[in-house]
């Protein structure tokens, strides 16, 4: 029964399979029967191999197509990302240039303010120098007066002292 089911699975006609299974059971298979089985199995095996080769080729071709499709999509996505990055970089460069221009104008403004402060300091320095000269000249004239008065007071004191001593 097992031999019969295997022969039918192999694609042999039902009547021929029954006859061969019966002969196998009775151990009466001839050389010609074995050759027939061999040829039949070889044909079936070739068909199975061809079918498998076709399926393998189909899968291989589908896989290649899928790989090419994925590769194409990946290239497209990379190009999109690259373009986006280039746009972002350009935008950042523009922002940096704007900030740089703003900083340059701020630096120029600060530089001008520093120059104005220096000029003001020079003017103040000159004014202070002139005021110091005026104050110095006033002090000198005041000191001359004070020296004269001090000299007069000392002279009077010495005169009074001498008068008191010699009296």
N, C-alpha and C. Protein backbone atom coordinates (compact mmCIF):
# COMPACT_ATOMS: atom_id res chain seq x y z
N UNK A 1 0.83 -1.19 0.00
CA UNK A 1 0.00 0.00 0.00
C UNK A 1 0.87 1.26 0.00
N UNK A 2 1.99 1.24 0.76
CA UNK A 2 2.90 2.38 0.80
C UNK A 2 3.53 2.61 -0.56
N UNK A 3 3.93 1.54 -1.20
CA UNK A 3 4.56 1.64 -2.51
C UNK A 3 3.57 2.23 -3.50
N UNK A 4 2.33 1.78 -3.44
CA UNK A 4 1.29 2.28 -4.34
C UNK A 4 1.09 3.78 -4.14
N UNK A 5 0.97 4.22 -2.90
CA UNK A 5 0.74 5.66 -2.65
C UNK A 5 1.95 6.49 -3.10
N UNK A 6 3.16 5.98 -2.93
CA UNK A 6 4.35 6.71 -3.37
C UNK A 6 4.41 6.80 -4.88
N UNK A 7 4.04 5.71 -5.57
CA UNK A 7 4.04 5.73 -7.03
C UNK A 7 2.99 6.70 -7.56
N UNK A 8 1.85 6.76 -6.93
CA UNK A 8 0.79 7.69 -7.35
C UNK A 8 1.25 9.13 -7.10
N UNK A 9 1.92 9.35 -5.96
CA UNK A 9 2.46 10.69 -5.67
C UNK A 9 3.48 11.10 -6.71
N UNK A 10 4.22 10.14 -7.22
CA UNK A 10 5.24 10.42 -8.22
C UNK A 10 4.62 10.72 -9.56
N UNK A 11 3.31 10.54 -9.71
CA UNK A 11 2.63 10.92 -10.95
C UNK A 11 2.44 9.77 -11.92
N UNK A 12 2.55 8.55 -11.43
CA UNK A 12 2.35 7.39 -12.31
C UNK A 12 0.86 7.08 -12.34
N UNK A 13 0.41 6.64 -13.50
CA UNK A 13 -1.00 6.29 -13.71
C UNK A 13 -1.43 5.27 -12.66
N UNK A 14 -2.69 5.34 -12.22
CA UNK A 14 -3.22 4.49 -11.14
C UNK A 14 -3.09 3.00 -11.47
N UNK A 15 -3.46 2.61 -12.67
CA UNK A 15 -3.43 1.19 -13.03
C UNK A 15 -2.01 0.67 -13.10
N UNK A 16 -1.12 1.51 -13.68
CA UNK A 16 0.28 1.08 -13.78
C UNK A 16 0.88 1.01 -12.38
N UNK A 17 0.55 1.98 -11.54
CA UNK A 17 1.08 2.00 -10.18
C UNK A 17 0.60 0.77 -9.40
N UNK A 18 -0.67 0.37 -9.58
CA UNK A 18 -1.17 -0.82 -8.89
C UNK A 18 -0.43 -2.07 -9.35
N UNK A 19 -0.20 -2.17 -10.67
CA UNK A 19 0.51 -3.32 -11.22
C UNK A 19 1.93 -3.37 -10.67
N UNK A 20 2.63 -2.22 -10.67
CA UNK A 20 4.01 -2.20 -10.18
C UNK A 20 4.08 -2.48 -8.68
N UNK A 21 3.13 -1.97 -7.94
CA UNK A 21 3.12 -2.21 -6.50
C UNK A 21 2.88 -3.69 -6.22
N UNK A 22 1.98 -4.31 -7.01
CA UNK A 22 1.71 -5.73 -6.84
C UNK A 22 2.95 -6.55 -7.14
N UNK A 23 3.63 -6.23 -8.25
CA UNK A 23 4.85 -6.95 -8.61
C UNK A 23 5.94 -6.74 -7.56
N UNK A 24 6.03 -5.53 -7.04
CA UNK A 24 7.03 -5.25 -6.02
C UNK A 24 6.75 -6.11 -4.79
N UNK A 25 5.47 -6.20 -4.44
CA UNK A 25 5.08 -6.99 -3.29
C UNK A 25 5.40 -8.46 -3.51
N UNK A 26 5.20 -8.94 -4.72
CA UNK A 26 5.47 -10.34 -5.04
C UNK A 26 6.92 -10.54 -5.43
N UNK A 27 7.68 -9.46 -5.44
CA UNK A 27 9.09 -9.51 -5.80
C UNK A 27 9.27 -10.00 -7.23
N UNK A 28 8.39 -9.54 -8.14
CA UNK A 28 8.43 -9.97 -9.52
C UNK A 28 8.73 -8.81 -10.48
N UNK A 29 9.33 -7.75 -10.00
CA UNK A 29 9.66 -6.62 -10.87
C UNK A 29 10.75 -7.04 -11.84
N UNK A 30 10.58 -6.70 -13.09
CA UNK A 30 11.57 -7.05 -14.09
C UNK A 30 12.51 -5.88 -14.28
N UNK A 31 13.57 -6.16 -15.00
CA UNK A 31 14.55 -5.12 -15.30
C UNK A 31 13.90 -4.00 -16.09
N UNK A 32 13.00 -4.37 -17.00
CA UNK A 32 12.29 -3.39 -17.82
C UNK A 32 11.41 -2.51 -16.94
N UNK A 33 10.75 -3.09 -15.93
CA UNK A 33 9.92 -2.30 -15.02
C UNK A 33 10.76 -1.29 -14.25
N UNK A 34 11.92 -1.73 -13.81
CA UNK A 34 12.80 -0.83 -13.05
C UNK A 34 13.29 0.30 -13.95
N UNK A 35 13.62 -0.02 -15.22
CA UNK A 35 14.04 1.02 -16.16
C UNK A 35 12.90 2.01 -16.40
N UNK A 36 11.69 1.50 -16.51
CA UNK A 36 10.53 2.37 -16.70
C UNK A 36 10.39 3.31 -15.51
N UNK A 37 10.50 2.75 -14.31
CA UNK A 37 10.41 3.58 -13.11
C UNK A 37 11.52 4.63 -13.08
N UNK A 38 12.73 4.19 -13.45
CA UNK A 38 13.87 5.11 -13.45
C UNK A 38 13.63 6.25 -14.43
N UNK A 39 13.19 5.92 -15.65
CA UNK A 39 12.93 6.95 -16.66
C UNK A 39 11.82 7.89 -16.19
N UNK A 40 10.77 7.29 -15.64
CA UNK A 40 9.64 8.09 -15.17
C UNK A 40 10.09 9.02 -14.04
N UNK A 41 10.86 8.48 -13.10
CA UNK A 41 11.35 9.31 -12.00
C UNK A 41 12.33 10.37 -12.50
N UNK A 42 13.18 10.00 -13.47
CA UNK A 42 14.12 10.99 -14.04
C UNK A 42 13.36 12.13 -14.71
N UNK A 43 12.31 11.78 -15.45
CA UNK A 43 11.51 12.81 -16.12
C UNK A 43 10.86 13.71 -15.07
N UNK A 44 10.27 13.07 -14.06
CA UNK A 44 9.64 13.85 -12.99
C UNK A 44 10.68 14.71 -12.27
N UNK A 45 11.84 14.14 -12.02
CA UNK A 45 12.90 14.88 -11.34
C UNK A 45 13.36 16.07 -12.17
N UNK A 46 13.48 15.85 -13.50
CA UNK A 46 13.86 16.96 -14.38
C UNK A 46 12.81 18.06 -14.36
N UNK A 47 11.53 17.64 -14.38
CA UNK A 47 10.45 18.62 -14.32
C UNK A 47 10.51 19.42 -13.01
N UNK A 48 10.73 18.70 -11.91
CA UNK A 48 10.83 19.37 -10.61
C UNK A 48 12.02 20.30 -10.58
N UNK A 49 13.17 19.83 -11.14
CA UNK A 49 14.36 20.68 -11.17
C UNK A 49 14.13 21.92 -12.03
N UNK A 50 13.52 21.71 -13.20
CA UNK A 50 13.22 22.85 -14.08
C UNK A 50 12.29 23.83 -13.38
N UNK A 51 11.27 23.26 -12.73
CA UNK A 51 10.32 24.12 -12.02
C UNK A 51 11.03 24.90 -10.90
N UNK A 52 11.87 24.19 -10.15
CA UNK A 52 12.61 24.86 -9.07
C UNK A 52 13.57 25.91 -9.62
N UNK A 53 14.25 25.56 -10.73
CA UNK A 53 15.16 26.53 -11.35
C UNK A 53 14.41 27.77 -11.81
N UNK A 54 13.21 27.53 -12.42
CA UNK A 54 12.40 28.66 -12.85
C UNK A 54 11.97 29.52 -11.67
N UNK A 55 11.54 28.84 -10.61
CA UNK A 55 11.13 29.59 -9.41
C UNK A 55 12.30 30.36 -8.82
N UNK A 56 13.46 29.72 -8.77
CA UNK A 56 14.66 30.39 -8.25
C UNK A 56 15.01 31.60 -9.11
N UNK A 57 14.95 31.40 -10.44
CA UNK A 57 15.23 32.52 -11.35
C UNK A 57 14.23 33.65 -11.16
N UNK A 58 12.94 33.26 -11.02
CA UNK A 58 11.92 34.28 -10.80
C UNK A 58 12.17 35.05 -9.50
N UNK A 59 12.46 34.30 -8.44
CA UNK A 59 12.73 34.95 -7.15
C UNK A 59 13.97 35.84 -7.26
N UNK A 60 14.99 35.33 -7.95
CA UNK A 60 16.22 36.12 -8.13
C UNK A 60 15.91 37.42 -8.88
N UNK A 61 15.14 37.29 -9.97
CA UNK A 61 14.78 38.48 -10.75
C UNK A 61 13.94 39.46 -9.94
N UNK A 62 12.97 38.91 -9.20
CA UNK A 62 12.15 39.77 -8.35
C UNK A 62 13.00 40.46 -7.29
N UNK A 63 13.93 39.70 -6.72
CA UNK A 63 14.82 40.26 -5.70
C UNK A 63 15.69 41.37 -6.29
N UNK A 64 16.21 41.12 -7.49
CA UNK A 64 17.01 42.16 -8.16
C UNK A 64 16.17 43.40 -8.41
N UNK A 65 14.95 43.17 -8.88
CA UNK A 65 14.06 44.31 -9.16
C UNK A 65 13.76 45.07 -7.86
N UNK A 66 13.49 44.31 -6.79
CA UNK A 66 13.22 44.96 -5.50
C UNK A 66 14.44 45.73 -5.01
N UNK A 67 15.61 45.13 -5.15
CA UNK A 67 16.84 45.80 -4.72
C UNK A 67 17.06 47.07 -5.53
N UNK A 68 16.84 46.98 -6.85
CA UNK A 68 17.01 48.17 -7.70
C UNK A 68 15.99 49.24 -7.32
N UNK A 69 14.77 48.81 -7.02
CA UNK A 69 13.74 49.76 -6.62
C UNK A 69 14.12 50.44 -5.30
N UNK A 70 14.54 49.64 -4.33
CA UNK A 70 14.96 50.19 -3.03
C UNK A 70 16.16 51.11 -3.22
N UNK A 71 17.09 50.69 -4.04
CA UNK A 71 18.28 51.51 -4.30
C UNK A 71 17.89 52.84 -4.94
N UNK A 72 16.98 52.76 -5.89
CA UNK A 72 16.50 53.98 -6.56
C UNK A 72 15.80 54.90 -5.56
N UNK A 73 14.92 54.31 -4.74
CA UNK A 73 14.23 55.11 -3.72
C UNK A 73 15.21 55.71 -2.73
N UNK A 74 16.21 54.92 -2.36
CA UNK A 74 17.21 55.39 -1.42
C UNK A 74 18.01 56.55 -2.01
N UNK A 75 18.39 56.41 -3.28
CA UNK A 75 19.11 57.50 -3.95
C UNK A 75 18.25 58.76 -3.99
N UNK A 76 16.97 58.57 -4.31
CA UNK A 76 16.06 59.71 -4.36
C UNK A 76 15.96 60.38 -2.99
N UNK A 77 15.80 59.56 -1.94
CA UNK A 77 15.70 60.11 -0.58
C UNK A 77 16.99 60.82 -0.19
N UNK A 78 18.13 60.23 -0.54
CA UNK A 78 19.42 60.85 -0.23
C UNK A 78 19.53 62.19 -0.94
N UNK A 79 19.10 62.23 -2.20
CA UNK A 79 19.14 63.49 -2.95
C UNK A 79 18.22 64.53 -2.30
N UNK A 80 17.03 64.08 -1.84
CA UNK A 80 16.12 65.01 -1.16
C UNK A 80 16.76 65.54 0.12
N UNK A 81 17.33 64.65 0.91
CA UNK A 81 17.97 65.07 2.16
C UNK A 81 19.14 65.99 1.86
N UNK A 82 19.91 65.65 0.83
CA UNK A 82 21.06 66.47 0.45
C UNK A 82 20.60 67.87 0.04
N UNK A 83 19.55 67.92 -0.76
CA UNK A 83 19.01 69.23 -1.19
C UNK A 83 18.50 70.01 0.02
N UNK A 84 17.82 69.32 0.92
CA UNK A 84 17.33 69.97 2.14
C UNK A 84 18.48 70.50 2.98
N UNK A 85 19.53 69.69 3.11
CA UNK A 85 20.69 70.13 3.89
C UNK A 85 21.36 71.33 3.24
N UNK A 86 21.46 71.29 1.90
CA UNK A 86 22.07 72.43 1.21
C UNK A 86 21.26 73.69 1.45
N UNK A 87 19.93 73.57 1.39
CA UNK A 87 19.07 74.73 1.64
C UNK A 87 19.23 75.22 3.07
N UNK A 88 19.28 74.28 4.03
CA UNK A 88 19.46 74.67 5.43
C UNK A 88 20.81 75.33 5.64
N UNK A 89 21.84 74.80 5.00
CA UNK A 89 23.18 75.38 5.14
C UNK A 89 23.20 76.79 4.55
N UNK A 90 22.54 76.95 3.39
CA UNK A 90 22.50 78.27 2.77
C UNK A 90 21.76 79.25 3.67
N UNK A 91 20.65 78.78 4.25
CA UNK A 91 19.88 79.63 5.15
C UNK A 91 20.71 80.01 6.37
N UNK A 92 21.44 79.05 6.92
CA UNK A 92 22.30 79.34 8.07
C UNK A 92 23.41 80.31 7.68
N UNK A 93 23.98 80.13 6.49
CA UNK A 93 25.02 81.07 6.02
C UNK A 93 24.46 82.48 5.92
N UNK A 94 23.23 82.59 5.39
CA UNK A 94 22.61 83.92 5.29
C UNK A 94 22.39 84.53 6.68
N UNK A 95 21.91 83.71 7.61
CA UNK A 95 21.70 84.21 8.97
C UNK A 95 23.03 84.64 9.60
N UNK A 96 24.07 83.84 9.39
CA UNK A 96 25.39 84.18 9.93
C UNK A 96 25.88 85.48 9.33
N UNK A 97 25.68 85.65 8.02
CA UNK A 97 26.11 86.89 7.37
C UNK A 97 25.35 88.08 7.92
N UNK A 98 24.03 87.93 8.15
CA UNK A 98 23.24 89.02 8.73
C UNK A 98 23.76 89.36 10.13
N UNK A 99 23.98 88.34 10.94
CA UNK A 99 24.48 88.57 12.30
C UNK A 99 25.85 89.21 12.25
N UNK A 100 26.69 88.74 11.34
CA UNK A 100 28.03 89.30 11.20
C UNK A 100 27.96 90.77 10.80
N UNK A 101 27.06 91.09 9.86
CA UNK A 101 26.90 92.49 9.44
C UNK A 101 26.40 93.33 10.62
N UNK A 102 25.45 92.78 11.37
CA UNK A 102 24.95 93.49 12.55
C UNK A 102 26.05 93.73 13.57
N UNK A 103 26.87 92.70 13.79
CA UNK A 103 27.97 92.83 14.75
C UNK A 103 28.99 93.85 14.26
N UNK A 104 29.26 93.85 12.96
CA UNK A 104 30.21 94.83 12.42
C UNK A 104 29.69 96.24 12.64
N UNK A 105 28.39 96.45 12.38
CA UNK A 105 27.83 97.79 12.59
C UNK A 105 27.85 98.14 14.08
N UNK A 106 27.57 97.17 14.95
CA UNK A 106 27.65 97.42 16.39
C UNK A 106 29.07 97.77 16.81
N UNK A 107 30.03 97.05 16.26
CA UNK A 107 31.44 97.32 16.59
C UNK A 107 31.82 98.71 16.10
N UNK A 108 31.37 99.06 14.90
CA UNK A 108 31.67 100.40 14.37
C UNK A 108 31.03 101.46 15.25
N UNK A 109 29.80 101.21 15.68
CA UNK A 109 29.10 102.16 16.56
C UNK A 109 29.84 102.30 17.89
N UNK A 110 30.25 101.19 18.46
CA UNK A 110 31.00 101.22 19.73
C UNK A 110 32.33 101.93 19.52
N UNK A 111 32.96 101.68 18.40
CA UNK A 111 34.24 102.33 18.09
C UNK A 111 34.05 103.84 18.00
N UNK A 112 32.97 104.27 17.35
CA UNK A 112 32.67 105.70 17.27
C UNK A 112 32.41 106.29 18.65
N UNK A 113 31.66 105.55 19.46
CA UNK A 113 31.38 106.02 20.82
C UNK A 113 32.66 106.11 21.64
N UNK A 114 33.55 105.15 21.48
CA UNK A 114 34.84 105.19 22.19
C UNK A 114 35.63 106.40 21.73
N UNK A 115 35.61 106.68 20.43
CA UNK A 115 36.33 107.86 19.92
C UNK A 115 35.74 109.13 20.52
N UNK A 116 34.39 109.19 20.60
CA UNK A 116 33.75 110.36 21.20
C UNK A 116 34.12 110.50 22.68
N UNK A 117 34.14 109.39 23.38
CA UNK A 117 34.52 109.42 24.80
C UNK A 117 35.95 109.88 24.95
N UNK A 118 36.83 109.44 24.07
CA UNK A 118 38.23 109.88 24.12
C UNK A 118 38.33 111.38 23.88
N UNK A 119 37.57 111.86 22.89
CA UNK A 119 37.58 113.30 22.62
C UNK A 119 37.08 114.06 23.84
N UNK A 120 35.97 113.56 24.43
CA UNK A 120 35.44 114.21 25.63
C UNK A 120 36.46 114.19 26.76
N UNK A 121 37.17 113.07 26.88
CA UNK A 121 38.20 112.97 27.93
C UNK A 121 39.33 113.97 27.67
N UNK A 122 39.71 114.12 26.42
CA UNK A 122 40.76 115.09 26.07
C UNK A 122 40.29 116.50 26.41
N UNK A 123 39.04 116.80 26.03
CA UNK A 123 38.49 118.14 26.33
C UNK A 123 38.45 118.35 27.83
N UNK A 124 37.96 117.34 28.57
CA UNK A 124 37.90 117.45 30.03
C UNK A 124 39.29 117.59 30.62
N UNK A 125 40.24 116.87 30.06
CA UNK A 125 41.62 116.95 30.54
C UNK A 125 42.16 118.36 30.33
N UNK A 126 41.89 118.91 29.15
CA UNK A 126 42.36 120.26 28.86
C UNK A 126 41.69 121.27 29.79
N UNK A 127 40.37 121.09 30.01
CA UNK A 127 39.66 121.98 30.92
C UNK A 127 40.21 121.86 32.33
N UNK A 128 40.46 120.63 32.77
CA UNK A 128 41.02 120.42 34.11
C UNK A 128 42.40 121.06 34.22
N UNK A 129 43.21 120.90 33.16
CA UNK A 129 44.54 121.52 33.18
C UNK A 129 44.43 123.04 33.29
N UNK A 130 43.50 123.62 32.51
CA UNK A 130 43.35 125.08 32.59
C UNK A 130 42.83 125.50 33.96
N UNK A 131 41.92 124.71 34.54
CA UNK A 131 41.42 125.03 35.87
C UNK A 131 42.53 124.89 36.91
N UNK A 132 43.36 123.84 36.75
CA UNK A 132 44.48 123.66 37.67
C UNK A 132 45.45 124.84 37.58
N UNK A 133 45.69 125.29 36.37
CA UNK A 133 46.59 126.43 36.18
C UNK A 133 46.00 127.67 36.85
N UNK A 134 44.70 127.89 36.68
CA UNK A 134 44.04 129.04 37.30
C UNK A 134 44.13 128.95 38.82
N UNK A 135 43.80 127.73 39.34
CA UNK A 135 43.83 127.54 40.79
C UNK A 135 45.25 127.72 41.31
N UNK A 136 46.21 127.18 40.57
CA UNK A 136 47.61 127.31 40.98
C UNK A 136 48.02 128.78 41.01
N UNK A 137 47.63 129.52 39.99
CA UNK A 137 48.00 130.95 39.98
C UNK A 137 47.30 131.69 41.10
N UNK A 138 46.04 131.35 41.40
CA UNK A 138 45.32 131.99 42.51
C UNK A 138 46.01 131.65 43.83
N UNK A 139 46.40 130.35 43.96
CA UNK A 139 47.07 129.95 45.20
C UNK A 139 48.41 130.68 45.35
N UNK A 140 49.12 130.80 44.25
CA UNK A 140 50.42 131.48 44.31
C UNK A 140 50.23 132.95 44.72
N UNK A 141 49.23 133.60 44.13
CA UNK A 141 49.00 135.00 44.51
C UNK A 141 48.52 135.09 45.95
N UNK A 142 47.70 134.11 46.36
CA UNK A 142 47.23 134.08 47.74
C UNK A 142 48.38 133.81 48.68
N UNK A 143 49.27 132.87 48.28
CA UNK A 143 50.44 132.58 49.12
C UNK A 143 51.34 133.82 49.24
N UNK A 144 51.50 134.57 48.17
CA UNK A 144 52.32 135.79 48.23
C UNK A 144 51.74 136.75 49.25
N UNK A 145 50.40 136.87 49.23
CA UNK A 145 49.74 137.74 50.19
C UNK A 145 49.92 137.21 51.58
N UNK A 146 49.76 135.90 51.73
CA UNK A 146 49.89 135.28 53.05
C UNK A 146 51.33 135.38 53.55
N UNK A 147 52.28 135.19 52.65
CA UNK A 147 53.69 135.32 53.05
C UNK A 147 53.94 136.75 53.55
N UNK A 148 53.39 137.70 52.86
CA UNK A 148 53.60 139.10 53.24
C UNK A 148 52.97 139.37 54.59
N UNK A 149 51.73 138.84 54.77
CA UNK A 149 51.04 139.05 56.03
C UNK A 149 51.75 138.30 57.15
N UNK A 150 52.19 137.08 56.87
CA UNK A 150 52.90 136.29 57.87
C UNK A 150 54.20 136.99 58.26
N UNK A 151 54.88 137.50 57.26
CA UNK A 151 56.12 138.25 57.55
C UNK A 151 55.85 139.46 58.41
N UNK A 152 54.77 140.15 58.13
CA UNK A 152 54.41 141.34 58.91
C UNK A 152 54.06 140.94 60.33
N UNK A 153 53.30 139.88 60.51
CA UNK A 153 52.91 139.41 61.84
C UNK A 153 54.14 139.00 62.62
N UNK A 154 55.05 138.30 62.00
CA UNK A 154 56.27 137.87 62.70
C UNK A 154 57.08 139.10 63.10
N UNK A 155 57.18 140.03 62.20
CA UNK A 155 57.94 141.24 62.51
C UNK A 155 57.32 141.97 63.69
N UNK A 156 56.01 142.08 63.70
CA UNK A 156 55.33 142.72 64.82
C UNK A 156 55.55 141.92 66.11
N UNK A 157 55.44 140.64 66.03
CA UNK A 157 55.63 139.79 67.20
C UNK A 157 57.04 139.94 67.74
N UNK A 158 58.04 139.92 66.85
CA UNK A 158 59.43 140.06 67.27
C UNK A 158 59.61 141.47 67.91
N UNK A 159 58.99 142.44 67.28
CA UNK A 159 59.12 143.80 67.83
C UNK A 159 58.51 143.90 69.20
N UNK A 160 57.34 143.32 69.41
CA UNK A 160 56.67 143.34 70.71
C UNK A 160 57.48 142.55 71.70
N UNK A 161 57.97 141.44 71.30
CA UNK A 161 58.75 140.59 72.18
C UNK A 161 60.03 141.31 72.63
N UNK A 162 60.68 141.93 71.68
CA UNK A 162 61.92 142.66 72.01
C UNK A 162 61.60 143.85 72.92
N UNK A 163 60.50 144.49 72.69
CA UNK A 163 60.10 145.62 73.53
C UNK A 163 59.84 145.13 74.92
N UNK A 164 59.21 144.02 75.08
CA UNK A 164 58.92 143.48 76.40
C UNK A 164 60.19 142.99 77.09
N UNK A 165 61.08 142.49 76.39
CA UNK A 165 62.32 141.99 76.98
C UNK A 165 63.17 143.19 77.43
N UNK A 166 63.27 144.19 76.62
CA UNK A 166 64.16 145.30 76.94
C UNK A 166 63.44 146.38 77.72
N UNK A 167 62.45 146.28 78.15
CA UNK A 167 61.74 147.27 78.89
C UNK A 167 62.01 147.24 80.30
